[in-house]
Amino acid sequence: MFLRVRDCSLVLMTTRKRGCFRPAPYVDEFGEVDQGFRRGNPLHLNRELYQKLKTLWLQQGITEEVVNYNEIDYRNVQYDWAHF
């Protein structure tokens, strides 16, 4: 699991060839994620989203999350995950 600060996104990886992008647990004052910092609003850590991420990590659910997300969004399968 990696946090891409400049993009405000998380990278969840299971192997060098399988992974997915997820929104980071940071939201603006309206509760919206600003991926890529397009709006320029200050972001704050959302405790609820952080707790979900922490639970995912502690229960070793990252592999299942990546598999489920790749079934929904096939564009992640073609991404070159080896450079992370």
PDB file of N, CA and C in Angstrom:
ATOM      1  N   MET A   1       0.848  -1.161   0.000  1.00  0.00           N
ATOM      2  CA  MET A   1       0.000   0.000   0.000  1.00  0.00           C
ATOM      3  C   MET A   1       0.900   1.233   0.000  1.00  0.00           C
ATOM      4  N   PHE A   2       0.631   2.140  -0.936  1.00  0.00           N
ATOM      5  CA  PHE A   2       1.416   3.358  -1.066  1.00  0.00           C
ATOM      6  C   PHE A   2       0.477   4.552  -1.162  1.00  0.00           C
ATOM      7  N   LEU A   3       0.891   5.668  -0.610  1.00  0.00           N
ATOM      8  CA  LEU A   3       0.152   6.920  -0.731  1.00  0.00           C
ATOM      9  C   LEU A   3       0.862   7.787  -1.754  1.00  0.00           C
ATOM     10  N   ARG A   4       0.157   8.145  -2.806  1.00  0.00           N
ATOM     11  CA  ARG A   4       0.708   9.060  -3.811  1.00  0.00           C
ATOM     12  C   ARG A   4       0.243  10.461  -3.432  1.00  0.00           C
ATOM     13  N   VAL A   5       1.121  11.204  -2.799  1.00  0.00           N
ATOM     14  CA  VAL A   5       0.765  12.500  -2.239  1.00  0.00           C
ATOM     15  C   VAL A   5       0.393  13.489  -3.335  1.00  0.00           C
ATOM     16  N   ARG A   6       1.123  13.523  -4.405  1.00  0.00           N
ATOM     17  CA  ARG A   6       0.850  14.497  -5.470  1.00  0.00           C
ATOM     18  C   ARG A   6      -0.468  14.250  -6.184  1.00  0.00           C
ATOM     19  N   ASP A   7      -0.927  13.009  -6.174  1.00  0.00           N
ATOM     20  CA  ASP A   7      -2.193  12.681  -6.824  1.00  0.00           C
ATOM     21  C   ASP A   7      -3.331  12.523  -5.832  1.00  0.00           C
ATOM     22  N   CYS A   8      -3.011  12.508  -4.549  1.00  0.00           N
ATOM     23  CA  CYS A   8      -3.988  12.276  -3.487  1.00  0.00           C
ATOM     24  C   CYS A   8      -4.732  10.963  -3.735  1.00  0.00           C
ATOM     25  N   SER A   9      -3.955   9.904  -3.940  1.00  0.00           N
ATOM     26  CA  SER A   9      -4.547   8.591  -4.169  1.00  0.00           C
ATOM     27  C   SER A   9      -3.697   7.523  -3.499  1.00  0.00           C
ATOM     28  N   LEU A  10      -4.291   6.366  -3.313  1.00  0.00           N
ATOM     29  CA  LEU A  10      -3.601   5.210  -2.759  1.00  0.00           C
ATOM     30  C   LEU A  10      -3.342   4.209  -3.870  1.00  0.00           C
ATOM     31  N   VAL A  11      -2.235   3.516  -3.764  1.00  0.00           N
ATOM     32  CA  VAL A  11      -1.938   2.414  -4.670  1.00  0.00           C
ATOM     33  C   VAL A  11      -1.952   1.150  -3.825  1.00  0.00           C
ATOM     34  N   LEU A  12      -2.872   0.263  -4.123  1.00  0.00           N
ATOM     35  CA  LEU A  12      -2.933  -1.031  -3.452  1.00  0.00           C
ATOM     36  C   LEU A  12      -2.357  -2.060  -4.406  1.00  0.00           C
ATOM     37  N   MET A  13      -1.335  -2.780  -3.959  1.00  0.00           N
ATOM     38  CA  MET A  13      -0.688  -3.764  -4.818  1.00  0.00           C
ATOM     39  C   MET A  13      -0.675  -5.118  -4.127  1.00  0.00           C
ATOM     40  N   THR A  14      -0.898  -6.157  -4.916  1.00  0.00           N
ATOM     41  CA  THR A  14      -0.785  -7.512  -4.393  1.00  0.00           C
ATOM     42  C   THR A  14       0.472  -8.186  -4.925  1.00  0.00           C
ATOM     43  N   THR A  15       0.775  -7.956  -6.183  1.00  0.00           N
ATOM     44  CA  THR A  15       1.998  -8.466  -6.802  1.00  0.00           C
ATOM     45  C   THR A  15       2.549  -7.371  -7.698  1.00  0.00           C
ATOM     46  N   ARG A  16       3.636  -7.655  -8.373  1.00  0.00           N
ATOM     47  CA  ARG A  16       4.208  -6.664  -9.285  1.00  0.00           C
ATOM     48  C   ARG A  16       3.333  -6.455 -10.517  1.00  0.00           C
ATOM     49  N   LYS A  17       2.401  -7.361 -10.759  1.00  0.00           N
ATOM     50  CA  LYS A  17       1.560  -7.263 -11.943  1.00  0.00           C
ATOM     51  C   LYS A  17       0.097  -6.983 -11.633  1.00  0.00           C
ATOM     52  N   ARG A  18      -0.242  -6.827 -10.366  1.00  0.00           N
ATOM     53  CA  ARG A  18      -1.643  -6.611 -10.021  1.00  0.00           C
ATOM     54  C   ARG A  18      -1.761  -5.560  -8.927  1.00  0.00           C
ATOM     55  N   GLY A  19      -2.605  -4.575  -9.190  1.00  0.00           N
ATOM     56  CA  GLY A  19      -2.835  -3.516  -8.226  1.00  0.00           C
ATOM     57  C   GLY A  19      -4.009  -2.662  -8.656  1.00  0.00           C
ATOM     58  N   CYS A  20      -4.316  -1.641  -7.855  1.00  0.00           N
ATOM     59  CA  CYS A  20      -5.385  -0.715  -8.218  1.00  0.00           C
ATOM     60  C   CYS A  20      -5.161   0.615  -7.507  1.00  0.00           C
ATOM     61  N   PHE A  21      -5.771   1.641  -8.052  1.00  0.00           N
ATOM     62  CA  PHE A  21      -5.758   2.965  -7.448  1.00  0.00           C
ATOM     63  C   PHE A  21      -7.046   3.164  -6.673  1.00  0.00           C
ATOM     64  N   ARG A  22      -6.934   3.748  -5.500  1.00  0.00           N
ATOM     65  CA  ARG A  22      -8.095   4.073  -4.676  1.00  0.00           C
ATOM     66  C   ARG A  22      -7.936   5.506  -4.178  1.00  0.00           C
ATOM     67  N   PRO A  23      -9.025   6.188  -3.882  1.00  0.00           N
ATOM     68  CA  PRO A  23      -8.907   7.541  -3.331  1.00  0.00           C
ATOM     69  C   PRO A  23      -8.277   7.513  -1.938  1.00  0.00           C
ATOM     70  N   ALA A  24      -7.484   8.513  -1.644  1.00  0.00           N
ATOM     71  CA  ALA A  24      -6.869   8.629  -0.320  1.00  0.00           C
ATOM     72  C   ALA A  24      -7.932   9.031   0.702  1.00  0.00           C
ATOM     73  N   PRO A  25      -7.691   8.781   1.987  1.00  0.00           N
ATOM     74  CA  PRO A  25      -8.696   9.114   3.005  1.00  0.00           C
ATOM     75  C   PRO A  25      -8.690  10.593   3.399  1.00  0.00           C
ATOM     76  N   TYR A  26      -8.373  11.451   2.467  1.00  0.00           N
ATOM     77  CA  TYR A  26      -8.364  12.887   2.724  1.00  0.00           C
ATOM     78  C   TYR A  26      -9.498  13.539   1.946  1.00  0.00           C
ATOM     79  N   VAL A  27     -10.262  14.389   2.622  1.00  0.00           N
ATOM     80  CA  VAL A  27     -11.411  15.049   2.004  1.00  0.00           C
ATOM     81  C   VAL A  27     -11.358  16.544   2.296  1.00  0.00           C
ATOM     82  N   ASP A  28     -12.095  17.313   1.487  1.00  0.00           N
ATOM     83  CA  ASP A  28     -12.175  18.753   1.727  1.00  0.00           C
ATOM     84  C   ASP A  28     -13.316  19.042   2.705  1.00  0.00           C
ATOM     85  N   GLU A  29     -13.638  20.301   2.886  1.00  0.00           N
ATOM     86  CA  GLU A  29     -14.661  20.680   3.867  1.00  0.00           C
ATOM     87  C   GLU A  29     -16.057  20.189   3.493  1.00  0.00           C
ATOM     88  N   PHE A  30     -16.258  19.812   2.231  1.00  0.00           N
ATOM     89  CA  PHE A  30     -17.553  19.310   1.781  1.00  0.00           C
ATOM     90  C   PHE A  30     -17.623  17.784   1.815  1.00  0.00           C
ATOM     91  N   GLY A  31     -16.538  17.138   2.256  1.00  0.00           N
ATOM     92  CA  GLY A  31     -16.504  15.687   2.340  1.00  0.00           C
ATOM     93  C   GLY A  31     -16.195  15.003   1.027  1.00  0.00           C
ATOM     94  N   GLU A  32     -15.620  15.738   0.085  1.00  0.00           N
ATOM     95  CA  GLU A  32     -15.307  15.182  -1.227  1.00  0.00           C
ATOM     96  C   GLU A  32     -13.804  14.999  -1.383  1.00  0.00           C
ATOM     97  N   VAL A  33     -13.434  13.938  -2.071  1.00  0.00           N
ATOM     98  CA  VAL A  33     -12.026  13.666  -2.360  1.00  0.00           C
ATOM     99  C   VAL A  33     -11.611  14.527  -3.544  1.00  0.00           C
ATOM    100  N   ASP A  34     -10.451  15.150  -3.450  1.00  0.00           N
ATOM    101  CA  ASP A  34      -9.944  16.002  -4.531  1.00  0.00           C
ATOM    102  C   ASP A  34      -8.729  15.323  -5.152  1.00  0.00           C
ATOM    103  N   GLN A  35      -8.976  14.316  -5.996  1.00  0.00           N
ATOM    104  CA  GLN A  35      -7.868  13.609  -6.625  1.00  0.00           C
ATOM    105  C   GLN A  35      -7.177  14.518  -7.625  1.00  0.00           C
ATOM    106  N   GLY A  36      -5.871  14.603  -7.494  1.00  0.00           N
ATOM    107  CA  GLY A  36      -5.087  15.449  -8.374  1.00  0.00           C
ATOM    108  C   GLY A  36      -5.063  16.901  -7.941  1.00  0.00           C
ATOM    109  N   PHE A  37      -5.697  17.234  -6.845  1.00  0.00           N
ATOM    110  CA  PHE A  37      -5.741  18.603  -6.309  1.00  0.00           C
ATOM    111  C   PHE A  37      -6.234  19.604  -7.350  1.00  0.00           C
ATOM    112  N   ARG A  38      -7.267  19.249  -8.078  1.00  0.00           N
ATOM    113  CA  ARG A  38      -7.792  20.137  -9.126  1.00  0.00           C
ATOM    114  C   ARG A  38      -8.502  21.356  -8.551  1.00  0.00           C
ATOM    115  N   ARG A  39      -9.210  21.163  -7.441  1.00  0.00           N
ATOM    116  CA  ARG A  39      -9.971  22.278  -6.865  1.00  0.00           C
ATOM    117  C   ARG A  39      -9.135  23.163  -5.964  1.00  0.00           C
ATOM    118  N   GLY A  40      -8.083  22.632  -5.397  1.00  0.00           N
ATOM    119  CA  GLY A  40      -7.186  23.432  -4.577  1.00  0.00           C
ATOM    120  C   GLY A  40      -7.665  23.693  -3.162  1.00  0.00           C
ATOM    121  N   ASN A  41      -8.702  23.004  -2.711  1.00  0.00           N
ATOM    122  CA  ASN A  41      -9.177  23.186  -1.339  1.00  0.00           C
ATOM    123  C   ASN A  41      -8.287  22.421  -0.364  1.00  0.00           C
ATOM    124  N   PRO A  42      -8.120  22.939   0.853  1.00  0.00           N
ATOM    125  CA  PRO A  42      -7.342  22.191   1.854  1.00  0.00           C
ATOM    126  C   PRO A  42      -8.031  20.864   2.180  1.00  0.00           C
ATOM    127  N   LEU A  43      -7.236  19.830   2.365  1.00  0.00           N
ATOM    128  CA  LEU A  43      -7.770  18.505   2.659  1.00  0.00           C
ATOM    129  C   LEU A  43      -7.461  18.121   4.099  1.00  0.00           C
ATOM    130  N   HIS A  44      -8.365  17.344   4.675  1.00  0.00           N
ATOM    131  CA  HIS A  44      -8.225  16.882   6.048  1.00  0.00           C
ATOM    132  C   HIS A  44      -8.453  15.377   6.087  1.00  0.00           C
ATOM    133  N   LEU A  45      -7.802  14.723   7.034  1.00  0.00           N
ATOM    134  CA  LEU A  45      -7.961  13.284   7.182  1.00  0.00           C
ATOM    135  C   LEU A  45      -9.373  12.962   7.665  1.00  0.00           C
ATOM    136  N   ASN A  46     -10.055  12.116   6.923  1.00  0.00           N
ATOM    137  CA  ASN A  46     -11.386  11.661   7.302  1.00  0.00           C
ATOM    138  C   ASN A  46     -11.217  10.404   8.146  1.00  0.00           C
ATOM    139  N   ARG A  47     -11.601  10.486   9.402  1.00  0.00           N
ATOM    140  CA  ARG A  47     -11.392   9.370  10.337  1.00  0.00           C
ATOM    141  C   ARG A  47     -12.134   8.107   9.904  1.00  0.00           C
ATOM    142  N   GLU A  48     -13.318   8.264   9.347  1.00  0.00           N
ATOM    143  CA  GLU A  48     -14.107   7.106   8.920  1.00  0.00           C
ATOM    144  C   GLU A  48     -13.430   6.373   7.757  1.00  0.00           C
ATOM    145  N   LEU A  49     -12.970   7.124   6.762  1.00  0.00           N
ATOM    146  CA  LEU A  49     -12.273   6.505   5.631  1.00  0.00           C
ATOM    147  C   LEU A  49     -10.950   5.889   6.075  1.00  0.00           C
ATOM    148  N   TYR A  50     -10.276   6.562   7.002  1.00  0.00           N
ATOM    149  CA  TYR A  50      -9.023   6.021   7.522  1.00  0.00           C
ATOM    150  C   TYR A  50      -9.267   4.721   8.281  1.00  0.00           C
ATOM    151  N   GLN A  51     -10.345   4.673   9.049  1.00  0.00           N
ATOM    152  CA  GLN A  51     -10.665   3.460   9.799  1.00  0.00           C
ATOM    153  C   GLN A  51     -10.978   2.301   8.856  1.00  0.00           C
ATOM    154  N   LYS A  52     -11.681   2.577   7.754  1.00  0.00           N
ATOM    155  CA  LYS A  52     -11.954   1.530   6.766  1.00  0.00           C
ATOM    156  C   LYS A  52     -10.658   1.009   6.158  1.00  0.00           C
ATOM    157  N   LEU A  53      -9.747   1.921   5.860  1.00  0.00           N
ATOM    158  CA  LEU A  53      -8.455   1.533   5.296  1.00  0.00           C
ATOM    159  C   LEU A  53      -7.636   0.731   6.303  1.00  0.00           C
ATOM    160  N   LYS A  54      -7.661   1.159   7.544  1.00  0.00           N
ATOM    161  CA  LYS A  54      -6.940   0.448   8.601  1.00  0.00           C
ATOM    162  C   LYS A  54      -7.505  -0.959   8.793  1.00  0.00           C
ATOM    163  N   THR A  55      -8.817  -1.082   8.774  1.00  0.00           N
ATOM    164  CA  THR A  55      -9.457  -2.390   8.900  1.00  0.00           C
ATOM    165  C   THR A  55      -9.102  -3.285   7.719  1.00  0.00           C
ATOM    166  N   LEU A  56      -9.090  -2.705   6.532  1.00  0.00           N
ATOM    167  CA  LEU A  56      -8.705  -3.457   5.339  1.00  0.00           C
ATOM    168  C   LEU A  56      -7.292  -4.002   5.485  1.00  0.00           C
ATOM    169  N   TRP A  57      -6.394  -3.197   6.013  1.00  0.00           N
ATOM    170  CA  TRP A  57      -5.007  -3.606   6.205  1.00  0.00           C
ATOM    171  C   TRP A  57      -4.887  -4.684   7.284  1.00  0.00           C
ATOM    172  N   LEU A  58      -5.532  -4.459   8.423  1.00  0.00           N
ATOM    173  CA  LEU A  58      -5.399  -5.387   9.544  1.00  0.00           C
ATOM    174  C   LEU A  58      -6.061  -6.738   9.280  1.00  0.00           C
ATOM    175  N   GLN A  59      -7.119  -6.746   8.494  1.00  0.00           N
ATOM    176  CA  GLN A  59      -7.803  -7.998   8.185  1.00  0.00           C
ATOM    177  C   GLN A  59      -7.265  -8.646   6.912  1.00  0.00           C
ATOM    178  N   GLN A  60      -6.175  -8.107   6.395  1.00  0.00           N
ATOM    179  CA  GLN A  60      -5.520  -8.621   5.193  1.00  0.00           C
ATOM    180  C   GLN A  60      -6.488  -8.741   4.025  1.00  0.00           C
ATOM    181  N   GLY A  61      -7.244  -7.671   3.808  1.00  0.00           N
ATOM    182  CA  GLY A  61      -8.244  -7.666   2.753  1.00  0.00           C
ATOM    183  C   GLY A  61      -7.820  -6.933   1.501  1.00  0.00           C
ATOM    184  N   ILE A  62      -6.552  -6.558   1.408  1.00  0.00           N
ATOM    185  CA  ILE A  62      -6.099  -5.788   0.250  1.00  0.00           C
ATOM    186  C   ILE A  62      -6.183  -6.616  -1.025  1.00  0.00           C
ATOM    187  N   THR A  63      -5.817  -7.884  -0.952  1.00  0.00           N
ATOM    188  CA  THR A  63      -5.880  -8.741  -2.141  1.00  0.00           C
ATOM    189  C   THR A  63      -7.308  -8.835  -2.660  1.00  0.00           C
ATOM    190  N   GLU A  64      -8.246  -9.041  -1.770  1.00  0.00           N
ATOM    191  CA  GLU A  64      -9.650  -9.128  -2.176  1.00  0.00           C
ATOM    192  C   GLU A  64     -10.139  -7.802  -2.754  1.00  0.00           C
ATOM    193  N   GLU A  65      -9.720  -6.699  -2.159  1.00  0.00           N
ATOM    194  CA  GLU A  65     -10.107  -5.377  -2.652  1.00  0.00           C
ATOM    195  C   GLU A  65      -9.569  -5.142  -4.062  1.00  0.00           C
ATOM    196  N   VAL A  66      -8.319  -5.524  -4.302  1.00  0.00           N
ATOM    197  CA  VAL A  66      -7.716  -5.352  -5.622  1.00  0.00           C
ATOM    198  C   VAL A  66      -8.441  -6.212  -6.655  1.00  0.00           C
ATOM    199  N   VAL A  67      -8.722  -7.452  -6.309  1.00  0.00           N
ATOM    200  CA  VAL A  67      -9.419  -8.348  -7.238  1.00  0.00           C
ATOM    201  C   VAL A  67     -10.812  -7.814  -7.551  1.00  0.00           C
ATOM    202  N   ASN A  68     -11.543  -7.387  -6.530  1.00  0.00           N
ATOM    203  CA  ASN A  68     -12.888  -6.849  -6.752  1.00  0.00           C
ATOM    204  C   ASN A  68     -12.853  -5.581  -7.594  1.00  0.00           C
ATOM    205  N   TYR A  69     -11.891  -4.718  -7.335  1.00  0.00           N
ATOM    206  CA  TYR A  69     -11.817  -3.470  -8.085  1.00  0.00           C
ATOM    207  C   TYR A  69     -11.423  -3.721  -9.535  1.00  0.00           C
ATOM    208  N   ASN A  70     -10.552  -4.703  -9.769  1.00  0.00           N
ATOM    209  CA  ASN A  70     -10.157  -5.016 -11.144  1.00  0.00           C
ATOM    210  C   ASN A  70     -11.294  -5.646 -11.933  1.00  0.00           C
ATOM    211  N   GLU A  71     -12.215  -6.317 -11.262  1.00  0.00           N
ATOM    212  CA  GLU A  71     -13.394  -6.837 -11.952  1.00  0.00           C
ATOM    213  C   GLU A  71     -14.299  -5.700 -12.407  1.00  0.00           C
ATOM    214  N   ILE A  72     -14.336  -4.634 -11.629  1.00  0.00           N
ATOM    215  CA  ILE A  72     -15.179  -3.487 -11.963  1.00  0.00           C
ATOM    216  C   ILE A  72     -14.512  -2.600 -13.009  1.00  0.00           C
ATOM    217  N   ASP A  73     -13.231  -2.313 -12.822  1.00  0.00           N
ATOM    218  CA  ASP A  73     -12.510  -1.374 -13.687  1.00  0.00           C
ATOM    219  C   ASP A  73     -11.341  -2.105 -14.348  1.00  0.00           C
ATOM    220  N   TYR A  74     -11.539  -2.562 -15.561  1.00  0.00           N
ATOM    221  CA  TYR A  74     -10.532  -3.365 -16.251  1.00  0.00           C
ATOM    222  C   TYR A  74      -9.309  -2.558 -16.677  1.00  0.00           C
ATOM    223  N   ARG A  75      -9.368  -1.220 -16.631  1.00  0.00           N
ATOM    224  CA  ARG A  75      -8.222  -0.403 -17.047  1.00  0.00           C
ATOM    225  C   ARG A  75      -7.022  -0.589 -16.127  1.00  0.00           C
ATOM    226  N   ASN A  76      -7.246  -0.968 -14.874  1.00  0.00           N
ATOM    227  CA  ASN A  76      -6.141  -1.173 -13.942  1.00  0.00           C
ATOM    228  C   ASN A  76      -5.294  -2.383 -14.301  1.00  0.00           C
ATOM    229  N   VAL A  77      -5.864  -3.347 -14.991  1.00  0.00           N
ATOM    230  CA  VAL A  77      -5.141  -4.572 -15.327  1.00  0.00           C
ATOM    231  C   VAL A  77      -3.985  -4.269 -16.268  1.00  0.00           C
ATOM    232  N   GLN A  78      -4.147  -3.306 -17.151  1.00  0.00           N
ATOM    233  CA  GLN A  78      -3.140  -3.007 -18.158  1.00  0.00           C
ATOM    234  C   GLN A  78      -2.063  -2.044 -17.667  1.00  0.00           C
ATOM    235  N   TYR A  79      -2.160  -1.567 -16.461  1.00  0.00           N
ATOM    236  CA  TYR A  79      -1.200  -0.612 -15.923  1.00  0.00           C
ATOM    237  C   TYR A  79       0.090  -1.333 -15.547  1.00  0.00           C
ATOM    238  N   ASP A  80       1.223  -0.679 -15.753  1.00  0.00           N
ATOM    239  CA  ASP A  80       2.519  -1.270 -15.410  1.00  0.00           C
ATOM    240  C   ASP A  80       2.813  -0.995 -13.936  1.00  0.00           C
ATOM    241  N   TRP A  81       2.562  -1.978 -13.092  1.00  0.00           N
ATOM    242  CA  TRP A  81       2.702  -1.814 -11.646  1.00  0.00           C
ATOM    243  C   TRP A  81       4.129  -1.998 -11.171  1.00  0.00           C
ATOM    244  N   ALA A  82       5.041  -2.456 -12.022  1.00  0.00           N
ATOM    245  CA  ALA A  82       6.399  -2.791 -11.593  1.00  0.00           C
ATOM    246  C   ALA A  82       7.214  -1.564 -11.181  1.00  0.00           C
ATOM    247  N   HIS A  83       6.849  -0.372 -11.622  1.00  0.00           N
ATOM    248  CA  HIS A  83       7.669   0.799 -11.296  1.00  0.00           C
ATOM    249  C   HIS A  83       7.359   1.398  -9.931  1.00  0.00           C
ATOM    250  N   PHE A  84       6.423   0.848  -9.186  1.00  0.00           N
ATOM    251  CA  PHE A  84       6.143   1.363  -7.841  1.00  0.00           C
ATOM    252  C   PHE A  84       7.084   0.763  -6.872  1.00  0.00           C
TER     253      PHE A  84
END
